[in-house]
Protein backbone atom coordinates (compact mmCIF):
# COMPACT_ATOMS: atom_id res chain seq x y z
CA MET A 1 157.01 128.05 121.51
CA LYS A 2 153.14 127.11 121.58
CA TYR A 3 150.19 130.13 121.04
CA THR A 4 146.66 129.99 122.50
CA ILE A 5 143.98 132.19 121.28
CA LYS A 6 140.82 132.20 123.13
CA LYS A 7 137.80 133.27 121.66
CA SER A 8 135.70 135.20 123.81
CA ALA A 9 132.00 134.15 124.56
CA GLN A 10 130.40 137.33 122.37
CA PHE A 11 132.23 135.52 119.72
CA ARG A 12 131.73 132.20 120.19
CA ALA A 13 127.97 133.10 120.68
CA ALA A 14 127.74 135.20 117.22
CA LEU A 15 129.43 132.23 115.27
CA ARG A 16 126.91 129.93 116.46
CA VAL A 17 124.13 132.61 115.21
CA LEU A 18 126.05 132.76 111.63
CA LEU A 19 126.22 128.70 111.48
CA ALA A 20 122.79 128.67 112.68
CA ALA A 21 121.92 130.97 109.71
CA VAL A 22 123.70 129.57 106.97
CA VAL A 23 122.01 125.89 108.33
CA LEU A 24 118.54 127.64 107.67
CA PHE A 25 119.27 129.36 104.37
CA VAL A 26 120.27 126.44 102.79
CA PHE A 27 117.71 124.13 104.79
CA TRP A 28 114.66 126.40 103.68
CA GLY A 29 116.37 127.16 100.19
CA CYS A 30 115.62 123.48 99.21
CA ALA A 31 111.93 122.64 101.14
CA GLY A 32 109.08 124.51 102.22
CA LEU A 33 106.16 123.60 104.20
CA ASP A 34 102.61 122.72 103.08
CA ASP A 35 99.29 123.62 104.87
CA ASP A 36 99.99 121.18 107.70
CA GLU A 37 103.36 123.03 107.99
CA GLU A 38 105.02 119.79 107.69
CA THR A 39 108.38 120.35 105.56
CA ILE A 40 108.53 119.23 101.95
CA PRO A 41 111.53 118.61 99.75
CA GLY A 42 111.94 121.05 96.83
CA GLN A 43 110.81 124.04 95.33
CA SER A 44 106.91 125.54 95.61
CA ILE A 45 104.76 125.53 92.56
CA GLY A 46 101.76 127.27 93.49
CA THR A 47 100.26 128.89 90.56
CA ALA A 48 100.35 128.60 86.47
CA GLU A 49 102.83 131.21 85.91
CA ASP A 50 105.20 129.25 88.29
CA LEU A 51 104.40 126.27 86.24
CA ALA A 52 105.17 127.26 83.15
CA LYS A 53 108.32 128.53 84.52
CA ILE A 54 109.90 125.22 84.76
CA GLY A 55 112.66 124.66 82.04
CA VAL A 56 112.37 128.41 81.44
CA ASP A 57 113.27 130.52 83.72
CA SER A 58 116.75 129.92 85.39
CA GLU A 59 115.50 129.54 88.91
CA TYR A 60 113.02 126.90 87.58
CA PRO A 61 115.55 124.26 86.16
CA LEU A 62 114.67 120.90 84.39
CA ASP A 63 116.61 118.81 86.57
CA GLY A 64 114.75 120.97 89.93
CA THR A 65 112.52 119.14 93.08
CA TYR A 66 109.00 120.88 92.74
CA TYR A 67 106.20 120.27 94.87
CA LEU A 68 102.43 121.83 94.20
CA SER A 69 101.38 123.86 96.85
CA ALA A 70 97.90 124.58 95.30
CA ASP A 71 95.45 123.23 92.65
CA ILE A 72 96.42 125.34 89.78
CA ASP A 73 94.07 126.14 86.50
CA LEU A 74 95.79 126.03 82.93
CA ALA A 75 92.57 127.29 81.14
CA ASP A 76 94.61 130.54 80.26
CA TYR A 77 97.86 128.34 78.70
CA THR A 78 95.77 127.19 75.29
CA PRO A 79 97.76 125.27 74.24
CA TRP A 80 100.14 124.01 77.02
CA THR A 81 103.97 124.37 76.33
CA PRO A 82 105.16 120.93 77.29
CA ILE A 83 108.15 121.44 80.26
CA GLY A 84 110.79 119.54 78.62
CA PRO A 85 110.23 119.84 74.82
CA ASN A 86 112.67 117.87 73.33
CA SER A 87 114.70 114.83 74.11
CA PHE A 88 117.57 117.30 74.05
CA GLY A 89 115.98 119.62 76.92
CA PRO A 90 114.18 116.47 79.11
CA PHE A 91 112.77 117.05 82.03
CA THR A 92 114.81 115.20 84.53
CA GLY A 93 113.22 116.75 87.98
CA THR A 94 110.89 115.19 90.66
CA PHE A 95 107.28 116.44 90.11
CA ASP A 96 105.39 115.93 93.38
CA GLY A 97 101.43 116.83 92.96
CA ARG A 98 100.72 116.01 96.73
CA GLY A 99 97.32 115.64 96.22
CA LYS A 100 96.52 118.77 94.14
CA THR A 101 94.66 119.07 90.89
CA ILE A 102 95.82 120.50 87.49
CA SER A 103 93.04 121.49 85.54
CA GLY A 104 92.07 122.73 82.33
CA LEU A 105 95.09 121.12 80.15
CA THR A 106 94.76 121.72 76.63
CA LEU A 107 96.71 119.66 74.44
CA GLY A 108 98.16 120.11 70.95
CA GLU A 109 100.92 122.85 68.80
CA GLY A 110 100.85 126.56 69.27
CA THR A 111 103.63 128.62 67.53
CA ALA A 112 105.97 125.76 66.72
CA VAL A 113 105.37 122.05 65.41
CA SER A 114 106.71 119.72 68.15
CA GLU A 115 107.28 116.12 68.53
CA VAL A 116 105.69 115.28 72.05
CA PHE A 117 102.73 116.87 73.91
CA GLY A 118 101.45 116.28 76.95
CA LEU A 119 101.80 118.46 80.88
CA PHE A 120 105.78 117.31 80.29
CA GLY A 121 107.10 116.55 76.59
CA TYR A 122 109.68 114.41 76.95
CA THR A 123 110.86 112.91 80.12
CA PHE A 124 114.40 111.09 81.13
CA MET A 125 115.09 109.62 84.48
CA ALA A 126 112.17 111.63 86.29
CA PHE A 127 109.66 110.80 89.06
CA ILE A 128 106.40 112.56 88.62
CA LYS A 129 103.51 111.48 91.31
CA ASN A 130 100.81 112.57 93.35
CA VAL A 131 98.85 114.53 90.89
CA GLN A 132 95.41 114.73 89.38
CA VAL A 133 95.24 115.98 86.03
CA GLU A 134 91.97 117.07 84.25
CA LEU A 135 92.01 117.32 80.47
CA ALA A 136 90.08 120.51 78.78
CA ASP A 137 87.04 120.31 76.88
CA THR A 138 88.06 120.90 73.16
CA GLY A 139 84.68 120.60 72.32
CA SER A 140 83.91 119.81 68.73
CA SER A 141 87.67 120.41 67.50
CA PRO A 142 89.96 117.98 67.44
CA ILE A 143 93.27 118.45 68.30
CA ALA A 144 95.31 118.83 65.00
CA LEU A 145 98.80 117.67 64.52
CA THR A 146 100.16 118.92 61.02
CA SER A 147 103.94 117.10 60.93
CA SER A 148 104.42 114.25 59.14
CA SER A 149 107.08 113.18 61.54
CA THR A 150 105.96 110.71 63.90
CA GLN A 151 104.55 112.34 67.47
CA TYR A 152 103.63 111.43 70.75
CA LEU A 153 100.94 112.64 73.08
CA GLY A 154 99.90 112.12 76.87
CA ALA A 155 98.25 113.83 79.32
CA ILE A 156 101.42 113.64 81.72
CA ALA A 157 104.42 112.98 79.48
CA GLY A 158 104.73 112.60 75.37
CA LYS A 159 107.18 110.76 75.84
CA ALA A 160 109.07 108.99 78.29
CA GLU A 161 112.58 107.35 79.05
CA ARG A 162 113.77 105.97 82.70
CA THR A 163 111.02 107.06 84.16
CA ARG A 164 108.61 106.80 87.25
CA PHE A 165 104.94 107.88 87.57
CA SER A 166 102.92 106.94 90.47
CA GLU A 167 99.65 107.94 92.11
CA ILE A 168 97.97 109.60 89.40
CA MET A 169 94.70 110.05 88.27
CA ILE A 170 94.12 111.49 84.61
CA SER A 171 90.45 112.49 83.55
CA GLY A 172 88.69 114.96 81.21
CA ALA A 173 85.33 117.01 80.79
CA GLY A 174 85.34 116.01 77.58
CA GLU A 175 86.32 113.23 74.88
CA THR A 176 89.86 114.27 73.58
CA GLU A 177 90.20 113.91 70.16
CA VAL A 178 93.34 113.72 67.87
CA THR A 179 93.72 114.44 64.14
CA LYS A 180 96.80 113.70 62.09
CA ALA A 181 96.77 113.87 58.87
CA ALA A 182 99.96 112.06 58.12
CA GLY A 183 102.60 109.93 59.71
CA ASP A 184 102.42 108.01 63.00
CA ILE A 185 100.89 108.75 66.13
CA TYR A 186 101.07 107.19 69.75
CA ALA A 187 99.01 108.41 72.60
CA GLY A 188 98.03 107.37 75.77
CA GLY A 189 96.17 108.44 78.81
CA LEU A 190 99.39 108.89 80.79
CA THR A 191 101.94 108.80 78.27
CA GLY A 192 102.66 108.66 74.21
CA ASP A 193 105.21 106.39 74.57
CA MET A 194 107.16 104.64 77.88
CA LEU A 195 110.61 103.25 77.22
CA ARG A 196 112.35 101.64 80.15
CA SER A 197 109.80 103.56 82.78
CA VAL A 198 107.10 102.02 85.15
CA ALA A 199 103.78 103.67 85.56
CA GLU A 200 101.78 102.01 88.74
CA ASN A 201 99.02 103.46 90.58
CA ILE A 202 97.78 104.91 87.49
CA ARG A 203 93.54 105.59 87.16
CA CYS A 204 93.07 106.93 83.52
CA ALA A 205 89.03 107.99 82.78
CA ALA A 206 89.73 110.15 80.13
CA PRO A 207 88.29 108.86 76.42
CA PHE A 208 91.03 109.07 73.90
CA THR A 209 90.35 108.81 70.18
CA VAL A 210 93.13 109.57 67.93
CA THR A 211 92.94 109.10 64.04
CA ALA A 212 96.23 109.25 61.50
CA GLY A 213 97.46 109.09 58.14
CA GLY A 214 99.77 106.98 59.11
CA ASN A 215 100.56 104.48 61.85
CA ALA A 216 98.29 105.30 64.97
CA ALA A 217 98.85 103.41 68.70
CA ALA A 218 96.43 104.50 71.45
CA GLY A 219 96.14 102.98 74.92
CA GLY A 220 94.41 104.04 77.96
CA ILE A 221 97.77 104.18 79.54
CA THR A 222 100.37 104.26 77.13
CA GLY A 223 100.41 104.05 73.50
CA LYS A 224 103.20 101.84 73.75
CA ASN A 225 104.77 100.19 76.04
CA ASN A 226 108.49 99.29 74.71
CA SER A 227 110.56 96.45 76.18
CA GLY A 228 111.94 97.14 79.93
CA SER A 229 109.40 99.10 80.91
CA LEU A 230 106.37 98.32 83.12
CA VAL A 231 102.60 99.35 83.84
CA ARG A 232 101.00 97.45 87.26
CA PHE A 233 98.31 98.61 89.45
CA CYS A 234 96.60 100.29 86.71
CA TYR A 235 92.92 100.76 86.09
CA VAL A 236 91.32 102.68 82.83
CA SER A 237 87.62 103.04 82.74
CA ALA A 238 87.64 104.99 79.89
CA PRO A 239 87.07 103.87 76.04
CA VAL A 240 90.10 104.12 73.31
CA ARG A 241 89.85 104.31 70.10
CA ALA A 242 92.62 103.99 67.39
CA GLY A 243 91.76 105.10 63.39
CA SER A 244 94.68 105.09 60.84
CA GLY A 245 95.26 105.00 57.24
CA ALA A 246 97.61 102.21 57.85
CA ASP A 247 98.02 100.38 60.70
CA ALA A 248 96.11 100.81 63.69
CA TYR A 249 96.53 99.32 67.24
CA ALA A 250 93.90 100.41 70.36
CA GLY A 251 94.28 98.71 73.67
CA GLY A 252 92.54 99.08 76.91
CA ILE A 253 96.16 99.45 78.83
CA ALA A 254 98.50 99.69 75.58
CA GLY A 255 97.98 100.18 71.99
CA GLU A 256 101.30 98.54 71.25
CA ASN A 257 103.21 96.21 74.16
CA SER A 258 106.50 94.69 74.25
CA GLY A 259 107.09 95.32 78.03
CA ALA A 260 105.12 93.94 81.21
CA VAL A 261 101.77 94.63 82.25
CA GLN A 262 100.82 93.02 85.73
CA VAL A 263 97.90 93.31 88.19
CA SER A 264 95.86 95.98 86.17
CA TYR A 265 92.30 96.33 84.53
CA THR A 266 90.17 97.98 82.18
CA THR A 267 86.33 98.47 81.65
CA GLY A 268 85.71 100.71 78.97
CA ASP A 269 85.42 99.65 75.42
CA VAL A 270 87.94 99.33 72.47
CA LEU A 271 87.99 100.00 68.87
CA ALA A 272 90.66 99.53 66.00
CA LEU A 273 89.68 101.03 62.78
CA SER A 274 92.06 100.75 59.89
CA ASN A 275 91.85 102.17 56.45
CA GLY A 276 94.78 100.82 54.68
CA GLY A 277 96.15 98.36 56.98
CA SER A 278 95.89 95.89 59.78
CA ALA A 279 93.65 96.45 62.88
CA TYR A 280 94.77 95.23 66.11
CA ALA A 281 92.37 95.86 69.44
CA GLY A 282 92.75 94.32 72.96
CA GLY A 283 91.00 94.81 76.43
CA ILE A 284 94.22 95.48 77.62
CA ALA A 285 97.00 95.28 74.61
CA GLY A 286 96.06 95.65 70.94
CA GLU A 287 99.28 93.74 69.51
CA ASN A 288 101.73 91.75 72.14
CA PRO A 289 104.61 90.62 71.73
CA GLY A 290 105.40 91.20 75.72
CA ALA A 291 103.82 89.71 78.84
CA LEU A 292 100.65 90.35 80.21
CA ARG A 293 99.41 88.29 83.42
CA ASP A 294 97.36 89.35 86.57
CA SER A 295 94.58 91.35 85.02
CA TYR A 296 91.18 91.80 82.95
CA ALA A 297 89.31 93.33 80.69
CA THR A 298 85.57 94.05 80.77
CA GLY A 299 84.88 95.75 78.10
CA ASN A 300 84.07 95.17 74.65
CA VAL A 301 86.69 94.92 72.05
CA SER A 302 86.40 95.91 68.03
CA ALA A 303 88.56 95.59 65.12
CA GLU A 304 88.08 96.46 61.70
CA SER A 305 89.69 96.87 58.68
CA ASP A 306 89.65 97.41 54.52
CA THR A 307 88.92 94.22 52.73
CA SER A 308 92.75 93.77 51.74
CA HIS A 309 94.50 93.65 55.12
CA PRO A 310 93.49 91.43 57.89
CA ALA A 311 91.95 92.58 61.60
CA TYR A 312 92.51 90.93 65.01
CA ALA A 313 90.60 91.46 68.15
CA GLY A 314 90.87 89.71 71.66
CA GLY A 315 89.48 90.26 75.13
CA ILE A 316 92.73 90.52 76.31
CA ALA A 317 94.99 90.77 73.26
CA GLY A 318 94.36 91.27 69.42
CA TYR A 319 97.32 89.65 68.56
CA ASN A 320 99.68 87.51 70.48
CA LYS A 321 103.12 86.54 69.27
CA LYS A 322 105.90 85.56 70.44
CA ALA A 323 108.84 87.80 68.67
CA ALA A 324 112.70 87.19 69.38
CA ALA A 325 113.07 90.57 69.41
CA TYR A 326 111.43 91.26 72.52
CA ASN A 327 112.72 88.53 74.25
CA ASN A 328 110.64 85.56 72.77
CA MET A 329 107.65 86.39 75.23
CA GLY A 330 104.10 86.93 74.05
CA THR A 331 102.56 85.88 76.71
CA ILE A 332 99.21 86.13 78.44
CA GLN A 333 98.63 84.46 82.03
CA ASN A 334 96.77 84.40 84.92
CA SER A 335 94.09 86.95 83.13
CA TYR A 336 89.98 86.93 81.92
CA ALA A 337 88.05 89.05 79.73
CA ALA A 338 84.04 89.38 79.56
CA GLY A 339 83.09 91.81 77.16
CA THR A 340 82.06 91.05 73.78
CA VAL A 341 84.56 90.61 70.75
CA SER A 342 84.28 91.29 67.14
CA VAL A 343 85.62 91.56 64.04
CA THR A 344 84.41 92.98 60.99
CA ASP A 345 85.33 94.35 57.10
CA SER A 346 88.45 92.77 56.69
CA ALA A 347 90.04 90.20 54.73
CA ASP A 348 90.53 87.83 57.48
CA ALA A 349 89.19 88.37 60.65
CA TYR A 350 90.67 87.05 63.95
CA ALA A 351 88.27 87.30 66.98
CA GLY A 352 89.36 85.07 70.37
CA GLY A 353 87.85 85.83 73.57
CA ILE A 354 91.52 86.31 75.08
CA ALA A 355 93.07 86.44 71.64
CA GLY A 356 92.46 87.14 68.42
CA TYR A 357 95.78 85.42 67.19
CA ASN A 358 98.34 83.26 69.13
CA ASP A 359 101.46 83.52 66.93
CA GLN A 360 104.12 81.56 68.43
CA GLY A 361 103.33 83.34 71.98
CA SER A 362 101.69 81.57 74.98
CA ILE A 363 98.65 81.18 76.53
CA GLY A 364 97.89 80.24 79.93
CA TYR A 365 95.29 79.78 82.85
CA THR A 366 92.94 82.30 81.76
CA ALA A 367 88.93 82.58 81.51
CA ALA A 368 87.03 83.95 78.77
CA TRP A 369 83.43 84.64 78.82
CA PRO A 370 82.40 87.29 76.53
CA ALA A 371 78.41 86.56 75.54
CA ASP A 372 79.45 86.70 71.37
CA ILE A 373 82.36 86.12 69.25
CA THR A 374 81.72 87.23 65.54
CA ALA A 375 84.26 87.68 63.26
CA THR A 376 83.22 89.06 59.51
CA GLY A 377 85.27 88.69 56.45
CA ALA A 378 86.47 86.79 53.56
CA ALA A 379 87.88 83.94 56.14
CA GLN A 380 86.61 83.51 59.61
CA ASN A 381 88.60 82.64 62.59
CA ALA A 382 86.88 82.53 65.84
CA GLY A 383 87.45 81.06 69.34
CA ARG A 384 86.49 80.86 73.06
CA ILE A 385 90.21 81.21 73.64
CA THR A 386 91.86 82.63 70.30
CA GLY A 387 91.26 82.57 66.71
CA GLU A 388 93.79 81.32 65.37
CA ASN A 389 96.65 79.59 67.46
CA THR A 390 100.03 78.35 66.33
CA GLY A 391 101.42 78.36 69.62
CA THR A 392 101.15 77.31 73.04
CA LEU A 393 97.96 77.08 74.89
CA THR A 394 98.02 75.55 78.41
CA ALA A 395 94.55 75.05 81.27
CA ASN A 396 92.73 77.83 79.79
CA ILE A 397 88.68 77.91 80.42
CA ALA A 398 85.44 79.27 79.06
CA LEU A 399 81.91 79.98 79.41
CA ASP A 400 80.64 76.65 77.19
CA ALA A 401 77.21 78.89 76.08
CA ILE A 402 79.55 81.76 74.02
CA THR A 403 78.06 82.69 70.97
CA GLY A 404 80.15 82.33 67.71
CA THR A 405 79.21 84.22 64.79
CA LEU A 406 80.55 84.05 61.57
CA LYS A 407 79.95 86.09 58.72
CA ASN A 408 81.42 86.73 54.79
CA ASP A 409 80.49 90.93 55.12
CA PRO A 410 78.25 92.92 57.49
CA LEU A 411 75.28 92.35 55.50
CA ASP A 412 75.25 88.73 55.61
CA THR A 413 73.14 86.84 58.76
CA GLY A 414 75.85 84.22 58.27
CA THR A 415 75.94 81.51 61.01
CA SER A 416 75.74 81.28 64.90
CA GLY A 417 75.84 78.84 67.55
CA PRO A 418 77.95 77.76 70.53
CA PHE A 419 81.34 76.91 70.16
CA PRO A 420 82.97 73.93 69.92
CA THR A 421 83.17 71.14 73.34
CA GLY A 422 87.33 72.16 73.49
CA SER A 423 89.64 71.19 75.75
CA ALA A 424 91.62 72.97 78.27
CA ASP A 425 95.15 73.00 76.05
CA ASP A 426 92.96 74.04 72.47
CA LYS A 427 92.15 77.30 71.23
CA ASP A 428 88.31 76.89 72.11
CA GLY A 429 89.86 76.13 76.42
CA GLN A 430 87.84 73.87 78.78
CA PRO A 431 83.93 74.63 78.50
CA LYS A 432 82.76 75.76 82.10
CA THR A 433 79.16 76.69 82.89
CA GLU A 434 78.11 79.92 83.96
CA ALA A 435 77.67 78.37 87.67
CA ASN A 436 81.23 77.14 86.99
CA LEU A 437 82.07 80.49 86.22
CA GLN A 438 80.83 81.70 89.66
CA GLN A 439 82.37 79.80 91.99
CA GLU A 440 85.67 81.03 93.10
CA GLU A 441 87.31 77.60 93.44
CA THR A 442 87.50 77.45 89.78
CA PHE A 443 89.92 79.96 89.53
CA SER A 444 91.76 79.18 92.85
CA ASN A 445 91.86 75.84 93.38
CA ALA A 446 94.83 73.85 91.90
CA VAL A 447 93.70 70.54 93.17
CA THR A 448 90.23 70.67 91.71
CA LYS A 449 90.22 68.91 88.27
CA ASN A 450 90.83 72.07 85.33
CA ALA A 451 91.03 74.64 88.17
CA LEU A 452 93.57 78.07 86.99
CA GLY A 453 95.40 78.04 90.42
CA TRP A 454 95.77 81.73 90.89
CA ASP A 455 96.93 83.54 93.93
CA PHE A 456 93.94 84.35 95.88
CA ALA A 457 96.24 85.16 98.83
CA ALA A 458 98.31 88.06 97.23
CA THR A 459 96.81 89.24 94.09
CA TRP A 460 93.39 88.13 94.09
CA GLN A 461 89.95 88.36 95.51
CA TRP A 462 86.92 87.14 95.18
CA ASP A 463 83.58 89.40 94.94
CA LYS A 464 80.84 87.81 95.88
CA THR A 465 78.50 90.40 94.92
CA GLN A 466 79.62 89.93 90.75
CA LYS A 467 80.63 86.40 91.57
CA ARG A 468 83.97 87.07 90.02
CA PRO A 469 87.31 87.35 90.71
CA ARG A 470 89.13 91.06 91.33
CA LEU A 471 92.26 92.62 92.12
CA LYS A 472 93.27 92.97 95.75
CA TRP A 473 94.40 96.31 95.25
CA GLU A 474 90.86 97.58 94.02
């Protein structure tokens, strides 16, 4: 026998109300409204107190989804305790700044010594986007790190693994100076270290100076861009400086780059200073066993070491090398540099308009027109494209009037004058006049003799006012 239970109209209406309430509870529990009544996924962060709860309060888990609903001032949190303090408790969630600003961020050690410093400490499989971060002015007191272990520092994250950063602006009320008496340090405007991560559409206007007793690597975006990581569509306007008692690496984008840097540019000066090791300075990367392409640098680049160690400075990379450990890359392509390059106080000085030393690497279709290239040391190695070459050079051009200055020591007047004529496939490049370099055809037309054949349809554009190439996304 079949039984049928008929629900009353009142029961059915009550059931519909209950189901609607459940749906609203679930929906509003994981979403909010912004000022324009737009639904936003995640949990609202509207105060400094809310921000400090992430990873500390059980209702604010490290794998959560968060968005800023207001600008936040961290002046009362000095120094700031990073979200995701270490690799055992990383931030693994999503953080959407919604274009808001986090100001007054002070980096540094609190009551406990840490490995990582930043708004976030260690990130893993995280997504951080759409936020502006202003670093606090530390005045005349640098950030002093005391651990002898390797430490990582960045405005957004100390160390990032499998993380994506997008649409981020980093600025500072003053210069961020970091000192470390012993051990190594990796520091960058965005992050100290990137491992299998992506940084895109990042702008950094926060000056960084890093000094360490051990090795020091500093970059406008990252101290170290590891193999498998990508930096693209990024711009650094701030100067970058690295000082070390061992090896010093300074780059406008990355101190060390074994990953990829594409479609990015820098305008700030770069300095690497070593007193006990080698110094590597580059407008894009201090050392490059990775891949650099479709990028440019216009700041001045300098490297200085003691008299027992070599120093390398290049308009794009200080030391460009091919290495099996990094997929045998060490490539620089479709890029240009326009700042002065100088190497001083070193046993062996390597200075070049594109790279200080091209060690088994590949440099092709580049342009260099610094006003002056200076090499000061017991041995002076200088060239319009690269100071020394043991690799492959293909179709490179350089300003014919670049002045080369060679000195035995800083007090020596040395010798000064134009470089040898050169060719497209040697370390001095195919000479071009200033008028040549102010024509788009020199860079875009692959048919024209000795033109570079850059992509002006998708990647580059011609600046008619400044008469030079610029990137389309600028």
